[in-house]
N, C-alpha and C. Protein backbone atom coordinates (compact mmCIF):
# COMPACT_ATOMS: atom_id res chain seq x y z
N UNK A 1 0.33 -79.57 50.22
CA UNK A 1 -0.39 -79.44 48.98
C UNK A 1 -1.81 -79.02 49.32
N UNK A 2 -2.37 -78.18 48.48
CA UNK A 2 -3.72 -77.71 48.73
C UNK A 2 -4.54 -77.60 47.47
N UNK A 3 -5.83 -77.42 47.67
CA UNK A 3 -6.76 -77.18 46.56
C UNK A 3 -7.64 -75.99 46.90
N UNK A 4 -8.08 -75.31 45.84
CA UNK A 4 -9.02 -74.22 45.98
C UNK A 4 -10.43 -74.77 45.81
N UNK A 5 -11.32 -74.35 46.70
CA UNK A 5 -12.73 -74.76 46.65
C UNK A 5 -13.55 -73.49 46.80
N UNK A 6 -14.09 -72.99 45.68
CA UNK A 6 -14.80 -71.72 45.69
C UNK A 6 -16.25 -71.84 46.15
N UNK A 7 -16.86 -72.99 45.89
CA UNK A 7 -18.26 -73.21 46.23
C UNK A 7 -18.52 -74.71 46.29
N UNK A 8 -19.74 -75.11 46.59
CA UNK A 8 -20.06 -76.53 46.75
C UNK A 8 -19.82 -77.34 45.48
N UNK A 9 -19.94 -76.72 44.31
CA UNK A 9 -19.71 -77.43 43.06
C UNK A 9 -18.25 -77.90 42.92
N UNK A 10 -17.35 -77.28 43.64
CA UNK A 10 -15.93 -77.62 43.55
C UNK A 10 -15.46 -78.50 44.72
N UNK A 11 -16.36 -78.93 45.58
CA UNK A 11 -16.00 -79.70 46.77
C UNK A 11 -15.39 -81.06 46.42
N UNK A 12 -15.61 -81.58 45.22
CA UNK A 12 -15.01 -82.85 44.81
C UNK A 12 -13.48 -82.79 44.89
N UNK A 13 -12.92 -81.61 44.80
CA UNK A 13 -11.46 -81.46 44.86
C UNK A 13 -10.90 -81.90 46.21
N UNK A 14 -11.72 -81.81 47.25
CA UNK A 14 -11.26 -82.21 48.59
C UNK A 14 -10.94 -83.70 48.60
N UNK A 15 -11.79 -84.52 48.02
CA UNK A 15 -11.53 -85.96 47.95
C UNK A 15 -10.29 -86.25 47.12
N UNK A 16 -10.09 -85.51 46.04
CA UNK A 16 -8.91 -85.71 45.21
C UNK A 16 -7.63 -85.35 45.97
N UNK A 17 -7.68 -84.29 46.77
CA UNK A 17 -6.53 -83.92 47.60
C UNK A 17 -6.24 -85.01 48.62
N UNK A 18 -7.28 -85.53 49.23
CA UNK A 18 -7.12 -86.56 50.26
C UNK A 18 -6.40 -87.80 49.69
N UNK A 19 -6.57 -88.06 48.41
CA UNK A 19 -5.96 -89.23 47.76
C UNK A 19 -4.48 -89.04 47.46
N UNK A 20 -3.96 -87.83 47.59
CA UNK A 20 -2.53 -87.60 47.32
C UNK A 20 -1.69 -88.07 48.50
N UNK A 21 -0.42 -88.18 48.26
CA UNK A 21 0.50 -88.56 49.33
C UNK A 21 1.12 -87.37 50.04
N UNK A 22 0.57 -86.18 49.84
CA UNK A 22 1.12 -84.97 50.45
C UNK A 22 1.15 -85.09 51.97
N UNK A 23 2.25 -84.63 52.57
CA UNK A 23 2.38 -84.68 54.02
C UNK A 23 1.43 -83.71 54.71
N UNK A 24 1.22 -82.55 54.11
CA UNK A 24 0.31 -81.55 54.66
C UNK A 24 -0.72 -81.24 53.59
N UNK A 25 -1.99 -81.33 53.96
CA UNK A 25 -3.07 -81.07 53.02
C UNK A 25 -3.89 -79.90 53.53
N UNK A 26 -4.09 -78.90 52.64
CA UNK A 26 -4.88 -77.74 53.06
C UNK A 26 -5.93 -77.39 52.02
N UNK A 27 -6.97 -76.73 52.51
CA UNK A 27 -8.06 -76.26 51.66
C UNK A 27 -8.04 -74.74 51.65
N UNK A 28 -8.11 -74.18 50.46
CA UNK A 28 -8.20 -72.74 50.31
C UNK A 28 -9.58 -72.40 49.77
N UNK A 29 -10.43 -71.94 50.65
CA UNK A 29 -11.76 -71.48 50.26
C UNK A 29 -11.64 -70.00 49.92
N UNK A 30 -10.93 -69.74 48.83
CA UNK A 30 -10.67 -68.37 48.42
C UNK A 30 -10.49 -68.31 46.91
N UNK A 31 -11.28 -67.56 46.24
CA UNK A 31 -12.36 -66.75 46.79
C UNK A 31 -13.56 -67.62 47.15
N UNK A 32 -14.11 -67.41 48.32
CA UNK A 32 -15.30 -68.13 48.74
C UNK A 32 -16.52 -67.47 48.10
N UNK A 33 -17.16 -68.22 47.21
CA UNK A 33 -18.26 -67.66 46.41
C UNK A 33 -19.62 -68.30 46.69
N UNK A 34 -19.68 -69.15 47.69
CA UNK A 34 -20.96 -69.77 48.04
C UNK A 34 -20.81 -70.61 49.29
N UNK A 35 -21.95 -71.02 49.83
CA UNK A 35 -21.96 -71.86 51.03
C UNK A 35 -21.40 -73.24 50.69
N UNK A 36 -20.71 -73.82 51.67
CA UNK A 36 -20.18 -75.17 51.51
C UNK A 36 -20.51 -75.95 52.78
N UNK A 37 -21.70 -76.51 52.82
CA UNK A 37 -22.12 -77.24 54.02
C UNK A 37 -21.50 -78.63 54.10
N UNK A 38 -21.41 -79.15 55.29
CA UNK A 38 -20.99 -80.54 55.55
C UNK A 38 -19.70 -80.93 54.84
N UNK A 39 -18.63 -80.21 55.13
CA UNK A 39 -17.32 -80.49 54.56
C UNK A 39 -16.71 -81.67 55.31
N UNK A 40 -16.23 -82.67 54.56
CA UNK A 40 -15.51 -83.79 55.17
C UNK A 40 -14.06 -83.34 55.38
N UNK A 41 -13.69 -83.07 56.62
CA UNK A 41 -12.36 -82.55 56.93
C UNK A 41 -11.40 -83.64 57.37
N UNK A 42 -11.78 -84.89 57.24
CA UNK A 42 -10.89 -86.00 57.59
C UNK A 42 -9.63 -85.94 56.73
N UNK A 43 -8.47 -85.96 57.38
CA UNK A 43 -7.20 -85.94 56.67
C UNK A 43 -6.77 -84.56 56.21
N UNK A 44 -7.50 -83.54 56.58
CA UNK A 44 -7.15 -82.16 56.19
C UNK A 44 -6.43 -81.50 57.36
N UNK A 45 -5.31 -80.83 57.07
CA UNK A 45 -4.48 -80.24 58.12
C UNK A 45 -4.69 -78.76 58.35
N UNK A 46 -5.33 -78.08 57.39
CA UNK A 46 -5.45 -76.63 57.52
C UNK A 46 -6.52 -76.13 56.56
N UNK A 47 -7.25 -75.09 56.97
CA UNK A 47 -8.27 -74.46 56.13
C UNK A 47 -8.05 -72.95 56.14
N UNK A 48 -8.06 -72.38 54.93
CA UNK A 48 -7.92 -70.94 54.74
C UNK A 48 -9.20 -70.43 54.06
N UNK A 49 -9.75 -69.34 54.54
CA UNK A 49 -10.96 -68.75 53.96
C UNK A 49 -10.69 -67.29 53.64
N UNK A 50 -11.18 -66.85 52.48
CA UNK A 50 -11.04 -65.45 52.13
C UNK A 50 -12.00 -65.05 51.01
N UNK A 51 -12.31 -63.78 50.99
CA UNK A 51 -13.16 -63.24 49.94
C UNK A 51 -12.35 -62.85 48.71
N UNK A 52 -13.05 -62.66 47.63
CA UNK A 52 -12.42 -62.24 46.39
C UNK A 52 -12.05 -60.77 46.48
N UNK A 53 -10.92 -60.41 45.88
CA UNK A 53 -10.51 -59.00 45.90
C UNK A 53 -10.34 -58.49 44.48
N UNK A 54 -10.32 -57.16 44.37
CA UNK A 54 -10.14 -56.54 43.07
C UNK A 54 -11.37 -55.77 42.63
N UNK A 55 -11.27 -55.08 41.50
CA UNK A 55 -12.34 -54.19 41.06
C UNK A 55 -13.67 -54.89 40.73
N UNK A 56 -13.64 -56.16 40.39
CA UNK A 56 -14.88 -56.88 40.06
C UNK A 56 -15.17 -57.97 41.09
N UNK A 57 -14.70 -57.77 42.31
CA UNK A 57 -14.86 -58.76 43.36
C UNK A 57 -16.32 -59.04 43.66
N UNK A 58 -16.63 -60.32 43.74
CA UNK A 58 -17.97 -60.74 44.15
C UNK A 58 -18.00 -60.84 45.66
N UNK A 59 -19.12 -60.48 46.29
CA UNK A 59 -19.18 -60.45 47.76
C UNK A 59 -19.19 -61.85 48.38
N UNK A 60 -18.64 -61.93 49.57
CA UNK A 60 -18.68 -63.15 50.37
C UNK A 60 -19.61 -62.89 51.55
N UNK A 61 -20.54 -63.78 51.77
CA UNK A 61 -21.44 -63.65 52.91
C UNK A 61 -20.75 -64.13 54.18
N UNK A 62 -20.96 -63.42 55.27
CA UNK A 62 -20.35 -63.78 56.55
C UNK A 62 -20.75 -65.19 56.97
N UNK A 63 -21.98 -65.57 56.73
CA UNK A 63 -22.45 -66.91 57.13
C UNK A 63 -21.63 -68.02 56.46
N UNK A 64 -21.21 -67.80 55.22
CA UNK A 64 -20.39 -68.82 54.54
C UNK A 64 -19.08 -69.03 55.29
N UNK A 65 -18.44 -67.93 55.68
CA UNK A 65 -17.16 -68.01 56.38
C UNK A 65 -17.33 -68.58 57.79
N UNK A 66 -18.33 -68.12 58.52
CA UNK A 66 -18.51 -68.61 59.89
C UNK A 66 -18.92 -70.08 59.91
N UNK A 67 -19.67 -70.52 58.91
CA UNK A 67 -20.04 -71.93 58.85
C UNK A 67 -18.80 -72.81 58.66
N UNK A 68 -17.91 -72.40 57.78
CA UNK A 68 -16.67 -73.17 57.59
C UNK A 68 -15.83 -73.13 58.85
N UNK A 69 -15.73 -71.96 59.48
CA UNK A 69 -14.98 -71.85 60.73
C UNK A 69 -15.54 -72.80 61.78
N UNK A 70 -16.86 -72.84 61.91
CA UNK A 70 -17.48 -73.71 62.90
C UNK A 70 -17.23 -75.19 62.60
N UNK A 71 -17.23 -75.54 61.32
CA UNK A 71 -16.93 -76.93 60.94
C UNK A 71 -15.48 -77.28 61.30
N UNK A 72 -14.57 -76.33 61.11
CA UNK A 72 -13.17 -76.55 61.47
C UNK A 72 -13.01 -76.72 62.98
N UNK A 73 -13.67 -75.86 63.74
CA UNK A 73 -13.59 -75.97 65.20
C UNK A 73 -14.11 -77.32 65.67
N UNK A 74 -15.22 -77.77 65.10
CA UNK A 74 -15.80 -79.07 65.48
C UNK A 74 -14.87 -80.23 65.13
N UNK A 75 -14.12 -80.09 64.04
CA UNK A 75 -13.23 -81.17 63.58
C UNK A 75 -11.79 -80.99 64.07
N UNK A 76 -11.54 -79.94 64.86
CA UNK A 76 -10.20 -79.63 65.36
C UNK A 76 -9.18 -79.44 64.23
N UNK A 77 -9.60 -78.70 63.21
CA UNK A 77 -8.74 -78.37 62.07
C UNK A 77 -8.40 -76.89 62.16
N UNK A 78 -7.11 -76.53 62.09
CA UNK A 78 -6.73 -75.12 62.17
C UNK A 78 -7.42 -74.28 61.08
N UNK A 79 -7.90 -73.11 61.48
CA UNK A 79 -8.67 -72.22 60.60
C UNK A 79 -7.96 -70.87 60.52
N UNK A 80 -7.78 -70.39 59.29
CA UNK A 80 -7.13 -69.10 59.04
C UNK A 80 -8.07 -68.26 58.18
N UNK A 81 -8.49 -67.10 58.70
CA UNK A 81 -9.32 -66.18 57.92
C UNK A 81 -8.42 -65.12 57.32
N UNK A 82 -8.27 -65.16 56.00
CA UNK A 82 -7.31 -64.29 55.32
C UNK A 82 -7.82 -62.88 55.08
N UNK A 83 -9.07 -62.75 54.57
CA UNK A 83 -9.57 -61.42 54.24
C UNK A 83 -11.04 -61.47 53.86
N UNK A 84 -11.69 -60.29 53.99
CA UNK A 84 -13.05 -60.14 53.48
C UNK A 84 -13.04 -59.93 51.98
N UNK A 85 -11.96 -59.36 51.47
CA UNK A 85 -11.87 -59.08 50.04
C UNK A 85 -12.56 -57.77 49.69
N UNK A 86 -13.00 -57.68 48.44
CA UNK A 86 -13.64 -56.46 47.97
C UNK A 86 -12.67 -55.59 47.18
N UNK A 87 -13.15 -54.42 46.82
CA UNK A 87 -12.33 -53.50 46.03
C UNK A 87 -11.12 -53.03 46.83
N UNK A 88 -11.31 -52.76 48.12
CA UNK A 88 -10.21 -52.32 48.98
C UNK A 88 -10.08 -53.33 50.12
N UNK A 89 -9.38 -54.43 49.85
CA UNK A 89 -9.31 -55.52 50.82
C UNK A 89 -8.65 -55.11 52.13
N UNK A 90 -7.70 -54.18 52.09
CA UNK A 90 -7.07 -53.74 53.34
C UNK A 90 -8.07 -53.01 54.23
N UNK A 91 -8.91 -52.21 53.63
CA UNK A 91 -9.93 -51.48 54.40
C UNK A 91 -10.97 -52.45 54.97
N UNK A 92 -11.33 -53.47 54.20
CA UNK A 92 -12.32 -54.45 54.65
C UNK A 92 -11.78 -55.29 55.81
N UNK A 93 -10.46 -55.51 55.82
CA UNK A 93 -9.82 -56.20 56.95
C UNK A 93 -10.00 -57.71 56.95
N UNK A 94 -9.67 -58.26 58.13
CA UNK A 94 -9.74 -59.71 58.28
C UNK A 94 -10.30 -60.14 59.64
N UNK A 95 -11.12 -59.27 60.21
CA UNK A 95 -11.78 -59.60 61.48
C UNK A 95 -13.05 -60.39 61.18
N UNK A 96 -13.18 -61.54 61.83
CA UNK A 96 -14.38 -62.38 61.70
C UNK A 96 -14.90 -62.63 63.10
N UNK A 97 -16.12 -62.24 63.37
CA UNK A 97 -16.73 -62.37 64.70
C UNK A 97 -15.82 -61.79 65.79
N UNK A 98 -15.40 -60.56 65.58
CA UNK A 98 -14.68 -59.77 66.58
C UNK A 98 -13.26 -60.24 66.88
N UNK A 99 -12.66 -61.04 65.99
CA UNK A 99 -11.27 -61.43 66.22
C UNK A 99 -10.62 -61.87 64.91
N UNK A 100 -9.30 -61.96 64.95
CA UNK A 100 -8.58 -62.55 63.82
C UNK A 100 -8.42 -64.04 64.07
N UNK A 101 -8.38 -64.79 63.00
CA UNK A 101 -8.21 -66.25 63.06
C UNK A 101 -6.93 -66.58 62.31
N UNK A 102 -5.89 -66.92 63.05
CA UNK A 102 -4.56 -67.14 62.49
C UNK A 102 -4.03 -68.54 62.75
N UNK A 103 -4.90 -69.51 62.93
CA UNK A 103 -4.45 -70.86 63.23
C UNK A 103 -3.62 -71.41 62.08
N UNK A 104 -2.61 -72.19 62.43
CA UNK A 104 -1.70 -72.80 61.46
C UNK A 104 -1.60 -74.29 61.77
N UNK A 105 -1.24 -75.09 60.76
CA UNK A 105 -1.07 -76.53 61.02
C UNK A 105 0.19 -76.80 61.84
N UNK A 106 0.23 -77.93 62.49
CA UNK A 106 1.39 -78.32 63.27
C UNK A 106 2.44 -78.93 62.35
N UNK A 107 3.09 -78.10 61.59
CA UNK A 107 4.03 -78.58 60.57
C UNK A 107 5.22 -79.30 61.17
N UNK A 108 5.69 -78.88 62.31
CA UNK A 108 6.85 -79.53 62.92
C UNK A 108 6.55 -81.00 63.21
N UNK A 109 5.39 -81.26 63.77
CA UNK A 109 5.00 -82.65 64.06
C UNK A 109 4.85 -83.45 62.77
N UNK A 110 4.24 -82.86 61.75
CA UNK A 110 4.06 -83.56 60.48
C UNK A 110 5.39 -83.83 59.81
N UNK A 111 6.30 -82.87 59.86
CA UNK A 111 7.63 -83.04 59.26
C UNK A 111 8.35 -84.21 59.92
N UNK A 112 8.34 -84.23 61.26
CA UNK A 112 9.05 -85.28 61.99
C UNK A 112 8.45 -86.65 61.68
N UNK A 113 7.14 -86.75 61.62
CA UNK A 113 6.47 -88.02 61.35
C UNK A 113 6.79 -88.53 59.95
N UNK A 114 6.86 -87.66 58.98
CA UNK A 114 7.01 -88.06 57.59
C UNK A 114 8.44 -88.11 57.07
N UNK A 115 9.37 -87.41 57.70
CA UNK A 115 10.69 -87.29 57.12
C UNK A 115 11.85 -87.67 58.03
N UNK A 116 11.62 -87.94 59.28
CA UNK A 116 12.74 -88.27 60.18
C UNK A 116 12.78 -89.75 60.41
């Protein structure tokens, strides 16, 4: 189960997700529309970041994405960078700091712990 957190005003959703009984909890910072400092990643299994896409897409600053990535690395939470977004999201790509970020949660371990 996951929640979307577009900016710091929506960060309260993280605590609400943490209160659920979901076996896997993920955060989707997409579309990322602002900085989100000091994220409490306790109990979070996966983080996805991406920019808004489409004809009226609002821009995502690189610092917002790299800050979340750095918080994930510090907390040992898998980080997935989905896209920069924009009018032509395929052209904008999904490279962040010279690489792709495709980390995934350890679902096999979580499945075995919760269901076997």
